[in-house]
Amino acid sequence: EHTVEGRILSYRSETRSLQIHNEWGRFQI
């Protein structure tokens, strides 16, 4: 398990993932 903290930018339905932005960049979870 890992902890990711940041603001959620969007939900991508085609990949069923959240796009999160924090100080290290953008991530898709």
PDB file of all heavy atoms in Angstrom:
ATOM      1  N   GLU A   1       0.839  -1.203   0.000  1.00  0.00           N
ATOM      2  CA  GLU A   1       0.000   0.000   0.000  1.00  0.00           C
ATOM      3  C   GLU A   1       0.869   1.246   0.000  1.00  0.00           C
ATOM      4  O   GLU A   1       1.905   1.293   0.656  1.00  0.00           O
ATOM      5  CB  GLU A   1      -0.911   0.001   1.228  1.00  0.00           C
ATOM      6  CG  GLU A   1      -1.949  -1.089   1.201  1.00  0.00           C
ATOM      7  CD  GLU A   1      -2.898  -1.039   2.388  1.00  0.00           C
ATOM      8  OE1 GLU A   1      -2.724  -0.189   3.282  1.00  0.00           O
ATOM      9  OE2 GLU A   1      -3.817  -1.860   2.409  1.00  0.00           O
ATOM     10  N   HIS A   2       0.406   2.254  -0.739  1.00  0.00           N
ATOM     11  CA  HIS A   2       1.097   3.534  -0.825  1.00  0.00           C
ATOM     12  C   HIS A   2       0.095   4.652  -0.579  1.00  0.00           C
ATOM     13  O   HIS A   2      -1.083   4.506  -0.903  1.00  0.00           O
ATOM     14  CB  HIS A   2       1.737   3.727  -2.205  1.00  0.00           C
ATOM     15  CG  HIS A   2       2.678   2.643  -2.583  1.00  0.00           C
ATOM     16  ND1 HIS A   2       3.957   2.574  -2.095  1.00  0.00           N
ATOM     17  CD2 HIS A   2       2.527   1.564  -3.384  1.00  0.00           C
ATOM     18  CE1 HIS A   2       4.551   1.509  -2.584  1.00  0.00           C
ATOM     19  NE2 HIS A   2       3.702   0.874  -3.370  1.00  0.00           N
ATOM     20  N   THR A   3       0.561   5.755  -0.050  1.00  0.00           N
ATOM     21  CA  THR A   3      -0.290   6.913   0.179  1.00  0.00           C
ATOM     22  C   THR A   3       0.005   7.962  -0.880  1.00  0.00           C
ATOM     23  O   THR A   3       1.162   8.294  -1.121  1.00  0.00           O
ATOM     24  CB  THR A   3      -0.026   7.509   1.577  1.00  0.00           C
ATOM     25  OG1 THR A   3      -0.240   6.496   2.549  1.00  0.00           O
ATOM     26  CG2 THR A   3      -0.950   8.677   1.851  1.00  0.00           C
ATOM     27  N   VAL A   4      -1.055   8.466  -1.504  1.00  0.00           N
ATOM     28  CA  VAL A   4      -0.932   9.529  -2.496  1.00  0.00           C
ATOM     29  C   VAL A   4      -1.808  10.680  -2.017  1.00  0.00           C
ATOM     30  O   VAL A   4      -2.975  10.489  -1.699  1.00  0.00           O
ATOM     31  CB  VAL A   4      -1.397   9.063  -3.894  1.00  0.00           C
ATOM     32  CG1 VAL A   4      -1.311  10.200  -4.893  1.00  0.00           C
ATOM     33  CG2 VAL A   4      -0.582   7.876  -4.350  1.00  0.00           C
ATOM     34  N   GLU A   5      -1.233  11.866  -1.964  1.00  0.00           N
ATOM     35  CA  GLU A   5      -1.983  13.036  -1.525  1.00  0.00           C
ATOM     36  C   GLU A   5      -1.934  14.090  -2.616  1.00  0.00           C
ATOM     37  O   GLU A   5      -0.878  14.344  -3.190  1.00  0.00           O
ATOM     38  CB  GLU A   5      -1.389  13.588  -0.232  1.00  0.00           C
ATOM     39  CG  GLU A   5      -2.213  14.690   0.376  1.00  0.00           C
ATOM     40  CD  GLU A   5      -1.719  15.075   1.763  1.00  0.00           C
ATOM     41  OE1 GLU A   5      -0.770  14.460   2.265  1.00  0.00           O
ATOM     42  OE2 GLU A   5      -2.299  16.011   2.324  1.00  0.00           O
ATOM     43  N   GLY A   6      -3.072  14.684  -2.909  1.00  0.00           N
ATOM     44  CA  GLY A   6      -3.124  15.724  -3.919  1.00  0.00           C
ATOM     45  C   GLY A   6      -4.549  16.092  -4.281  1.00  0.00           C
ATOM     46  O   GLY A   6      -5.504  15.590  -3.693  1.00  0.00           O
ATOM     47  N   ARG A   7      -4.687  16.981  -5.255  1.00  0.00           N
ATOM     48  CA  ARG A   7      -6.002  17.411  -5.731  1.00  0.00           C
ATOM     49  C   ARG A   7      -6.425  16.538  -6.905  1.00  0.00           C
ATOM     50  O   ARG A   7      -5.633  16.244  -7.785  1.00  0.00           O
ATOM     51  CB  ARG A   7      -5.957  18.864  -6.170  1.00  0.00           C
ATOM     52  CG  ARG A   7      -5.913  19.817  -5.010  1.00  0.00           C
ATOM     53  CD  ARG A   7      -6.121  21.255  -5.491  1.00  0.00           C
ATOM     54  NE  ARG A   7      -6.383  22.145  -4.403  1.00  0.00           N
ATOM     55  CZ  ARG A   7      -5.484  22.528  -3.501  1.00  0.00           C
ATOM     56  NH1 ARG A   7      -4.267  22.060  -3.569  1.00  0.00           N
ATOM     57  NH2 ARG A   7      -5.806  23.356  -2.541  1.00  0.00           N
ATOM     58  N   ILE A   8      -7.680  16.162  -6.913  1.00  0.00           N
ATOM     59  CA  ILE A   8      -8.210  15.361  -8.007  1.00  0.00           C
ATOM     60  C   ILE A   8      -8.599  16.295  -9.133  1.00  0.00           C
ATOM     61  O   ILE A   8      -9.422  17.201  -8.956  1.00  0.00           O
ATOM     62  CB  ILE A   8      -9.412  14.528  -7.542  1.00  0.00           C
ATOM     63  CG1 ILE A   8      -8.952  13.576  -6.447  1.00  0.00           C
ATOM     64  CG2 ILE A   8     -10.013  13.767  -8.713  1.00  0.00           C
ATOM     65  CD1 ILE A   8     -10.058  12.801  -5.812  1.00  0.00           C
ATOM     66  N   LEU A   9      -8.002  16.102 -10.293  1.00  0.00           N
ATOM     67  CA  LEU A   9      -8.284  16.945 -11.444  1.00  0.00           C
ATOM     68  C   LEU A   9      -9.466  16.432 -12.241  1.00  0.00           C
ATOM     69  O   LEU A   9     -10.307  17.205 -12.683  1.00  0.00           O
ATOM     70  CB  LEU A   9      -7.053  17.041 -12.353  1.00  0.00           C
ATOM     71  CG  LEU A   9      -5.799  17.634 -11.723  1.00  0.00           C
ATOM     72  CD1 LEU A   9      -4.658  17.603 -12.718  1.00  0.00           C
ATOM     73  CD2 LEU A   9      -6.064  19.048 -11.253  1.00  0.00           C
ATOM     74  N   SER A  10      -9.509  15.112 -12.453  1.00  0.00           N
ATOM     75  CA  SER A  10     -10.596  14.573 -13.281  1.00  0.00           C
ATOM     76  C   SER A  10     -10.733  13.075 -13.074  1.00  0.00           C
ATOM     77  O   SER A  10      -9.868  12.426 -12.504  1.00  0.00           O
ATOM     78  CB  SER A  10     -10.328  14.856 -14.758  1.00  0.00           C
ATOM     79  OG  SER A  10      -9.169  14.164 -15.183  1.00  0.00           O
ATOM     80  N   TYR A  11     -11.859  12.585 -13.561  1.00  0.00           N
ATOM     81  CA  TYR A  11     -12.104  11.145 -13.606  1.00  0.00           C
ATOM     82  C   TYR A  11     -12.121  10.751 -15.066  1.00  0.00           C
ATOM     83  O   TYR A  11     -12.833  11.340 -15.871  1.00  0.00           O
ATOM     84  CB  TYR A  11     -13.439  10.800 -12.945  1.00  0.00           C
ATOM     85  CG  TYR A  11     -13.860   9.368 -13.187  1.00  0.00           C
ATOM     86  CD1 TYR A  11     -13.206   8.332 -12.547  1.00  0.00           C
ATOM     87  CD2 TYR A  11     -14.884   9.059 -14.064  1.00  0.00           C
ATOM     88  CE1 TYR A  11     -13.569   7.012 -12.762  1.00  0.00           C
ATOM     89  CE2 TYR A  11     -15.256   7.741 -14.293  1.00  0.00           C
ATOM     90  CZ  TYR A  11     -14.595   6.727 -13.638  1.00  0.00           C
ATOM     91  OH  TYR A  11     -14.954   5.427 -13.867  1.00  0.00           O
ATOM     92  N   ARG A  12     -11.326   9.762 -15.428  1.00  0.00           N
ATOM     93  CA  ARG A  12     -11.266   9.298 -16.815  1.00  0.00           C
ATOM     94  C   ARG A  12     -12.039   7.980 -16.922  1.00  0.00           C
ATOM     95  O   ARG A  12     -11.582   6.954 -16.443  1.00  0.00           O
ATOM     96  CB  ARG A  12      -9.827   9.127 -17.259  1.00  0.00           C
ATOM     97  CG  ARG A  12      -9.056  10.433 -17.235  1.00  0.00           C
ATOM     98  CD  ARG A  12      -7.656  10.236 -17.755  1.00  0.00           C
ATOM     99  NE  ARG A  12      -6.961  11.491 -17.756  1.00  0.00           N
ATOM    100  CZ  ARG A  12      -6.821  12.256 -18.838  1.00  0.00           C
ATOM    101  NH1 ARG A  12      -7.324  11.873 -19.977  1.00  0.00           N
ATOM    102  NH2 ARG A  12      -6.173  13.386 -18.756  1.00  0.00           N
ATOM    103  N   SER A  13     -13.196   8.060 -17.558  1.00  0.00           N
ATOM    104  CA  SER A  13     -14.063   6.881 -17.634  1.00  0.00           C
ATOM    105  C   SER A  13     -13.501   5.804 -18.559  1.00  0.00           C
ATOM    106  O   SER A  13     -13.723   4.618 -18.320  1.00  0.00           O
ATOM    107  CB  SER A  13     -15.463   7.286 -18.086  1.00  0.00           C
ATOM    108  OG  SER A  13     -15.406   7.919 -19.334  1.00  0.00           O
ATOM    109  N   GLU A  14     -12.761   6.195 -19.595  1.00  0.00           N
ATOM    110  CA  GLU A  14     -12.223   5.189 -20.519  1.00  0.00           C
ATOM    111  C   GLU A  14     -11.193   4.285 -19.853  1.00  0.00           C
ATOM    112  O   GLU A  14     -11.062   3.122 -20.202  1.00  0.00           O
ATOM    113  CB  GLU A  14     -11.653   5.832 -21.788  1.00  0.00           C
ATOM    114  CG  GLU A  14     -10.440   6.719 -21.577  1.00  0.00           C
ATOM    115  CD  GLU A  14     -10.770   8.169 -21.244  1.00  0.00           C
ATOM    116  OE1 GLU A  14     -11.955   8.500 -21.142  1.00  0.00           O
ATOM    117  OE2 GLU A  14      -9.824   8.946 -21.081  1.00  0.00           O
ATOM    118  N   THR A  15     -10.451   4.803 -18.880  1.00  0.00           N
ATOM    119  CA  THR A  15      -9.472   3.991 -18.162  1.00  0.00           C
ATOM    120  C   THR A  15      -9.911   3.699 -16.724  1.00  0.00           C
ATOM    121  O   THR A  15      -9.184   3.026 -16.001  1.00  0.00           O
ATOM    122  CB  THR A  15      -8.105   4.699 -18.117  1.00  0.00           C
ATOM    123  OG1 THR A  15      -8.260   5.974 -17.480  1.00  0.00           O
ATOM    124  CG2 THR A  15      -7.529   4.875 -19.501  1.00  0.00           C
ATOM    125  N   ARG A  16     -11.066   4.222 -16.332  1.00  0.00           N
ATOM    126  CA  ARG A  16     -11.582   4.086 -14.964  1.00  0.00           C
ATOM    127  C   ARG A  16     -10.505   4.465 -13.949  1.00  0.00           C
ATOM    128  O   ARG A  16     -10.116   3.679 -13.087  1.00  0.00           O
ATOM    129  CB  ARG A  16     -12.107   2.686 -14.698  1.00  0.00           C
ATOM    130  CG  ARG A  16     -13.354   2.334 -15.465  1.00  0.00           C
ATOM    131  CD  ARG A  16     -13.947   0.999 -15.072  1.00  0.00           C
ATOM    132  NE  ARG A  16     -13.896   0.695 -13.645  1.00  0.00           N
ATOM    133  CZ  ARG A  16     -14.833   1.018 -12.741  1.00  0.00           C
ATOM    134  NH1 ARG A  16     -15.905   1.665 -13.115  1.00  0.00           N
ATOM    135  NH2 ARG A  16     -14.693   0.683 -11.470  1.00  0.00           N
ATOM    136  N   SER A  17     -10.005   5.693 -14.090  1.00  0.00           N
ATOM    137  CA  SER A  17      -8.941   6.157 -13.196  1.00  0.00           C
ATOM    138  C   SER A  17      -9.144   7.621 -12.833  1.00  0.00           C
ATOM    139  O   SER A  17      -9.830   8.369 -13.532  1.00  0.00           O
ATOM    140  CB  SER A  17      -7.579   5.970 -13.857  1.00  0.00           C
ATOM    141  OG  SER A  17      -7.493   6.739 -15.027  1.00  0.00           O
ATOM    142  N   LEU A  18      -8.536   8.001 -11.709  1.00  0.00           N
ATOM    143  CA  LEU A  18      -8.542   9.397 -11.262  1.00  0.00           C
ATOM    144  C   LEU A  18      -7.224  10.030 -11.653  1.00  0.00           C
ATOM    145  O   LEU A  18      -6.167   9.411 -11.548  1.00  0.00           O
ATOM    146  CB  LEU A  18      -8.674   9.465  -9.742  1.00  0.00           C
ATOM    147  CG  LEU A  18      -9.963   8.962  -9.126  1.00  0.00           C
ATOM    148  CD1 LEU A  18      -9.839   8.994  -7.603  1.00  0.00           C
ATOM    149  CD2 LEU A  18     -11.136   9.799  -9.574  1.00  0.00           C
ATOM    150  N   GLN A  19      -7.296  11.277 -12.081  1.00  0.00           N
ATOM    151  CA  GLN A  19      -6.070  12.024 -12.358  1.00  0.00           C
ATOM    152  C   GLN A  19      -5.843  12.949 -11.175  1.00  0.00           C
ATOM    153  O   GLN A  19      -6.700  13.776 -10.857  1.00  0.00           O
ATOM    154  CB  GLN A  19      -6.171  12.808 -13.650  1.00  0.00           C
ATOM    155  CG  GLN A  19      -4.870  13.468 -14.019  1.00  0.00           C
ATOM    156  CD  GLN A  19      -4.936  14.133 -15.375  1.00  0.00           C
ATOM    157  OE1 GLN A  19      -5.995  14.460 -15.858  1.00  0.00           O
ATOM    158  NE2 GLN A  19      -3.785  14.345 -15.959  1.00  0.00           N
ATOM    159  N   ILE A  20      -4.699  12.798 -10.514  1.00  0.00           N
ATOM    160  CA  ILE A  20      -4.374  13.550  -9.304  1.00  0.00           C
ATOM    161  C   ILE A  20      -3.131  14.392  -9.550  1.00  0.00           C
ATOM    162  O   ILE A  20      -2.185  13.954 -10.204  1.00  0.00           O
ATOM    163  CB  ILE A  20      -4.144  12.590  -8.126  1.00  0.00           C
ATOM    164  CG1 ILE A  20      -5.448  11.880  -7.816  1.00  0.00           C
ATOM    165  CG2 ILE A  20      -3.617  13.320  -6.914  1.00  0.00           C
ATOM    166  CD1 ILE A  20      -5.367  10.939  -6.658  1.00  0.00           C
ATOM    167  N   HIS A  21      -3.153  15.602  -9.008  1.00  0.00           N
ATOM    168  CA  HIS A  21      -2.020  16.517  -9.154  1.00  0.00           C
ATOM    169  C   HIS A  21      -1.492  16.850  -7.761  1.00  0.00           C
ATOM    170  O   HIS A  21      -2.249  17.190  -6.857  1.00  0.00           O
ATOM    171  CB  HIS A  21      -2.459  17.794  -9.868  1.00  0.00           C
ATOM    172  CG  HIS A  21      -1.373  18.813  -9.965  1.00  0.00           C
ATOM    173  ND1 HIS A  21      -0.316  18.682 -10.831  1.00  0.00           N
ATOM    174  CD2 HIS A  21      -1.178  19.967  -9.297  1.00  0.00           C
ATOM    175  CE1 HIS A  21       0.480  19.722 -10.693  1.00  0.00           C
ATOM    176  NE2 HIS A  21      -0.021  20.521  -9.767  1.00  0.00           N
ATOM    177  N   ASN A  22      -0.166  16.731  -7.598  1.00  0.00           N
ATOM    178  CA  ASN A  22       0.486  17.186  -6.369  1.00  0.00           C
ATOM    179  C   ASN A  22       1.842  17.787  -6.727  1.00  0.00           C
ATOM    180  O   ASN A  22       2.117  18.024  -7.907  1.00  0.00           O
ATOM    181  CB  ASN A  22       0.596  16.054  -5.331  1.00  0.00           C
ATOM    182  CG  ASN A  22       1.418  14.876  -5.809  1.00  0.00           C
ATOM    183  OD1 ASN A  22       2.201  14.981  -6.743  1.00  0.00           O
ATOM    184  ND2 ASN A  22       1.244  13.741  -5.165  1.00  0.00           N
ATOM    185  N   GLU A  23       2.687  18.020  -5.729  1.00  0.00           N
ATOM    186  CA  GLU A  23       3.953  18.707  -5.994  1.00  0.00           C
ATOM    187  C   GLU A  23       4.905  17.906  -6.867  1.00  0.00           C
ATOM    188  O   GLU A  23       5.857  18.451  -7.415  1.00  0.00           O
ATOM    189  CB  GLU A  23       4.641  19.107  -4.682  1.00  0.00           C
ATOM    190  CG  GLU A  23       5.033  17.956  -3.796  1.00  0.00           C
ATOM    191  CD  GLU A  23       3.992  17.638  -2.728  1.00  0.00           C
ATOM    192  OE1 GLU A  23       2.861  18.104  -2.821  1.00  0.00           O
ATOM    193  OE2 GLU A  23       4.344  16.895  -1.805  1.00  0.00           O
ATOM    194  N   TRP A  24       4.697  16.595  -7.021  1.00  0.00           N
ATOM    195  CA  TRP A  24       5.573  15.771  -7.857  1.00  0.00           C
ATOM    196  C   TRP A  24       5.060  15.611  -9.277  1.00  0.00           C
ATOM    197  O   TRP A  24       5.715  14.992 -10.098  1.00  0.00           O
ATOM    198  CB  TRP A  24       5.772  14.394  -7.234  1.00  0.00           C
ATOM    199  CG  TRP A  24       6.538  14.472  -5.953  1.00  0.00           C
ATOM    200  CD1 TRP A  24       7.847  14.785  -5.793  1.00  0.00           C
ATOM    201  CD2 TRP A  24       6.022  14.257  -4.657  1.00  0.00           C
ATOM    202  NE1 TRP A  24       8.185  14.775  -4.474  1.00  0.00           N
ATOM    203  CE2 TRP A  24       7.076  14.453  -3.741  1.00  0.00           C
ATOM    204  CE3 TRP A  24       4.770  13.925  -4.149  1.00  0.00           C
ATOM    205  CZ2 TRP A  24       6.922  14.318  -2.371  1.00  0.00           C
ATOM    206  CZ3 TRP A  24       4.619  13.793  -2.787  1.00  0.00           C
ATOM    207  CH2 TRP A  24       5.694  13.992  -1.923  1.00  0.00           C
ATOM    208  N   GLY A  25       3.884  16.112  -9.566  1.00  0.00           N
ATOM    209  CA  GLY A  25       3.350  16.004 -10.911  1.00  0.00           C
ATOM    210  C   GLY A  25       1.935  15.463 -10.927  1.00  0.00           C
ATOM    211  O   GLY A  25       1.199  15.570  -9.957  1.00  0.00           O
ATOM    212  N   ARG A  26       1.570  14.885 -12.079  1.00  0.00           N
ATOM    213  CA  ARG A  26       0.230  14.321 -12.252  1.00  0.00           C
ATOM    214  C   ARG A  26       0.322  12.806 -12.301  1.00  0.00           C
ATOM    215  O   ARG A  26       1.216  12.252 -12.922  1.00  0.00           O
ATOM    216  CB  ARG A  26      -0.397  14.825 -13.547  1.00  0.00           C
ATOM    217  CG  ARG A  26      -0.710  16.284 -13.490  1.00  0.00           C
ATOM    218  CD  ARG A  26      -1.386  16.728 -14.744  1.00  0.00           C
ATOM    219  NE  ARG A  26      -1.619  18.164 -14.652  1.00  0.00           N
ATOM    220  CZ  ARG A  26      -2.472  18.807 -15.389  1.00  0.00           C
ATOM    221  NH1 ARG A  26      -3.152  18.175 -16.315  1.00  0.00           N
ATOM    222  NH2 ARG A  26      -2.645  20.094 -15.229  1.00  0.00           N
ATOM    223  N   PHE A  27      -0.659  12.182 -11.643  1.00  0.00           N
ATOM    224  CA  PHE A  27      -0.699  10.728 -11.577  1.00  0.00           C
ATOM    225  C   PHE A  27      -2.078  10.240 -11.962  1.00  0.00           C
ATOM    226  O   PHE A  27      -3.070  10.910 -11.725  1.00  0.00           O
ATOM    227  CB  PHE A  27      -0.398  10.230 -10.153  1.00  0.00           C
ATOM    228  CG  PHE A  27       0.921  10.674  -9.633  1.00  0.00           C
ATOM    229  CD1 PHE A  27       1.033  11.814  -8.852  1.00  0.00           C
ATOM    230  CD2 PHE A  27       2.065   9.956  -9.925  1.00  0.00           C
ATOM    231  CE1 PHE A  27       2.248  12.226  -8.367  1.00  0.00           C
ATOM    232  CE2 PHE A  27       3.286  10.361  -9.437  1.00  0.00           C
ATOM    233  CZ  PHE A  27       3.384  11.504  -8.659  1.00  0.00           C
ATOM    234  N   GLN A  28      -2.131   9.054 -12.535  1.00  0.00           N
ATOM    235  CA  GLN A  28      -3.410   8.400 -12.778  1.00  0.00           C
ATOM    236  C   GLN A  28      -3.483   7.187 -11.868  1.00  0.00           C
ATOM    237  O   GLN A  28      -2.580   6.346 -11.862  1.00  0.00           O
ATOM    238  CB  GLN A  28      -3.546   7.977 -14.234  1.00  0.00           C
ATOM    239  CG  GLN A  28      -3.799   9.160 -15.134  1.00  0.00           C
ATOM    240  CD  GLN A  28      -4.357   8.719 -16.473  1.00  0.00           C
ATOM    241  OE1 GLN A  28      -4.832   7.617 -16.629  1.00  0.00           O
ATOM    242  NE2 GLN A  28      -4.285   9.618 -17.431  1.00  0.00           N
ATOM    243  N   ILE A  29      -4.557   7.118 -11.092  1.00  0.00           N
ATOM    244  CA  ILE A  29      -4.745   6.021 -10.156  1.00  0.00           C
ATOM    245  C   ILE A  29      -5.980   5.244 -10.573  1.00  0.00           C
ATOM    246  O   ILE A  29      -7.082   5.794 -10.603  1.00  0.00           O
ATOM    247  CB  ILE A  29      -4.919   6.552  -8.721  1.00  0.00           C
ATOM    248  CG1 ILE A  29      -3.665   7.300  -8.295  1.00  0.00           C
ATOM    249  CG2 ILE A  29      -5.233   5.409  -7.768  1.00  0.00           C
ATOM    250  CD1 ILE A  29      -3.778   7.962  -6.964  1.00  0.00           C
TER     251      ILE A  29
END
